[in-house]
Amino acid sequence: MNEEVNSKIRELKAEVYKKRLLDELKLAAERFERLGYKVTISITPVDTETEEDK
């Protein structure tokens, strides 16, 4: 039970961290666009599954 709770807490913390990073990227992109740059951001999740997991 305790490990399940800890796992869920880690997941939620990771989601919060990811949201903060995305917000910072958006702000940086807006700043560059105001300076006349075209900004394109592409974020692709990495497949973390190993051969053993398959």
C-alpha atoms as a PDB file:
ATOM      1  CA  MET A   1       0.000   0.000   0.000  1.00  0.00           C
ATOM      2  CA  ASN A   2       2.732   2.458   0.996  1.00  0.00           C
ATOM      3  CA  GLU A   3       4.687   1.748  -2.191  1.00  0.00           C
ATOM      4  CA  GLU A   4       1.544   2.403  -4.254  1.00  0.00           C
ATOM      5  CA  VAL A   5       1.071   5.771  -2.550  1.00  0.00           C
ATOM      6  CA  ASN A   6       4.734   6.681  -3.082  1.00  0.00           C
ATOM      7  CA  SER A   7       4.480   5.682  -6.729  1.00  0.00           C
ATOM      8  CA  LYS A   8       1.397   7.861  -7.221  1.00  0.00           C
ATOM      9  CA  ILE A   9       3.137  10.798  -5.508  1.00  0.00           C
ATOM     10  CA  ARG A  10       6.127  10.399  -7.857  1.00  0.00           C
ATOM     11  CA  GLU A  11       3.778  10.349 -10.857  1.00  0.00           C
ATOM     12  CA  LEU A  12       2.017  13.516  -9.729  1.00  0.00           C
ATOM     13  CA  LYS A  13       5.296  15.306  -9.043  1.00  0.00           C
ATOM     14  CA  ALA A  14       6.519  14.355 -12.525  1.00  0.00           C
ATOM     15  CA  GLU A  15       3.328  15.749 -14.074  1.00  0.00           C
ATOM     16  CA  VAL A  16       3.709  19.033 -12.171  1.00  0.00           C
ATOM     17  CA  TYR A  17       7.364  19.291 -13.236  1.00  0.00           C
ATOM     18  CA  LYS A  18       6.448  18.578 -16.861  1.00  0.00           C
ATOM     19  CA  LYS A  19       3.725  21.261 -16.779  1.00  0.00           C
ATOM     20  CA  ARG A  20       6.154  23.826 -15.359  1.00  0.00           C
ATOM     21  CA  LEU A  21       8.714  23.049 -18.060  1.00  0.00           C
ATOM     22  CA  LEU A  22       6.094  23.397 -20.789  1.00  0.00           C
ATOM     23  CA  ASP A  23       4.970  26.733 -19.340  1.00  0.00           C
ATOM     24  CA  GLU A  24       8.567  27.978 -19.332  1.00  0.00           C
ATOM     25  CA  LEU A  25       9.031  26.843 -22.941  1.00  0.00           C
ATOM     26  CA  LYS A  26       5.879  28.686 -23.973  1.00  0.00           C
ATOM     27  CA  LEU A  27       7.072  31.882 -22.299  1.00  0.00           C
ATOM     28  CA  ALA A  28      10.476  31.614 -23.962  1.00  0.00           C
ATOM     29  CA  ALA A  29       8.831  31.000 -27.343  1.00  0.00           C
ATOM     30  CA  GLU A  30       6.646  34.087 -26.906  1.00  0.00           C
ATOM     31  CA  ARG A  31       9.721  36.194 -26.101  1.00  0.00           C
ATOM     32  CA  PHE A  32      11.554  34.988 -29.204  1.00  0.00           C
ATOM     33  CA  GLU A  33       8.477  35.615 -31.353  1.00  0.00           C
ATOM     34  CA  ARG A  34       8.315  39.185 -30.061  1.00  0.00           C
ATOM     35  CA  LEU A  35      11.916  39.565 -31.198  1.00  0.00           C
ATOM     36  CA  GLY A  36      10.931  38.478 -34.701  1.00  0.00           C
ATOM     37  CA  TYR A  37      11.897  34.814 -34.623  1.00  0.00           C
ATOM     38  CA  LYS A  38       9.728  31.944 -35.765  1.00  0.00           C
ATOM     39  CA  VAL A  39       9.562  29.318 -33.021  1.00  0.00           C
ATOM     40  CA  THR A  40       8.710  25.654 -33.481  1.00  0.00           C
ATOM     41  CA  ILE A  41       8.810  23.259 -30.548  1.00  0.00           C
ATOM     42  CA  SER A  42       8.415  19.519 -30.901  1.00  0.00           C
ATOM     43  CA  ILE A  43       8.314  17.235 -27.881  1.00  0.00           C
ATOM     44  CA  THR A  44       8.215  13.481 -28.391  1.00  0.00           C
ATOM     45  CA  PRO A  45       8.131  10.941 -25.567  1.00  0.00           C
ATOM     46  CA  VAL A  46      10.999   8.475 -25.453  1.00  0.00           C
ATOM     47  CA  ASP A  47      10.177   4.780 -25.495  1.00  0.00           C
ATOM     48  CA  THR A  48      11.591   3.587 -22.169  1.00  0.00           C
ATOM     49  CA  GLU A  49      10.468  -0.016 -22.639  1.00  0.00           C
ATOM     50  CA  THR A  50      13.432  -2.405 -22.604  1.00  0.00           C
ATOM     51  CA  GLU A  51      13.814  -5.796 -24.251  1.00  0.00           C
ATOM     52  CA  GLU A  52      13.089  -7.458 -20.884  1.00  0.00           C
ATOM     53  CA  ASP A  53       9.780  -5.576 -20.613  1.00  0.00           C
ATOM     54  CA  LYS A  54       8.643  -6.862 -24.014  1.00  0.00           C
END
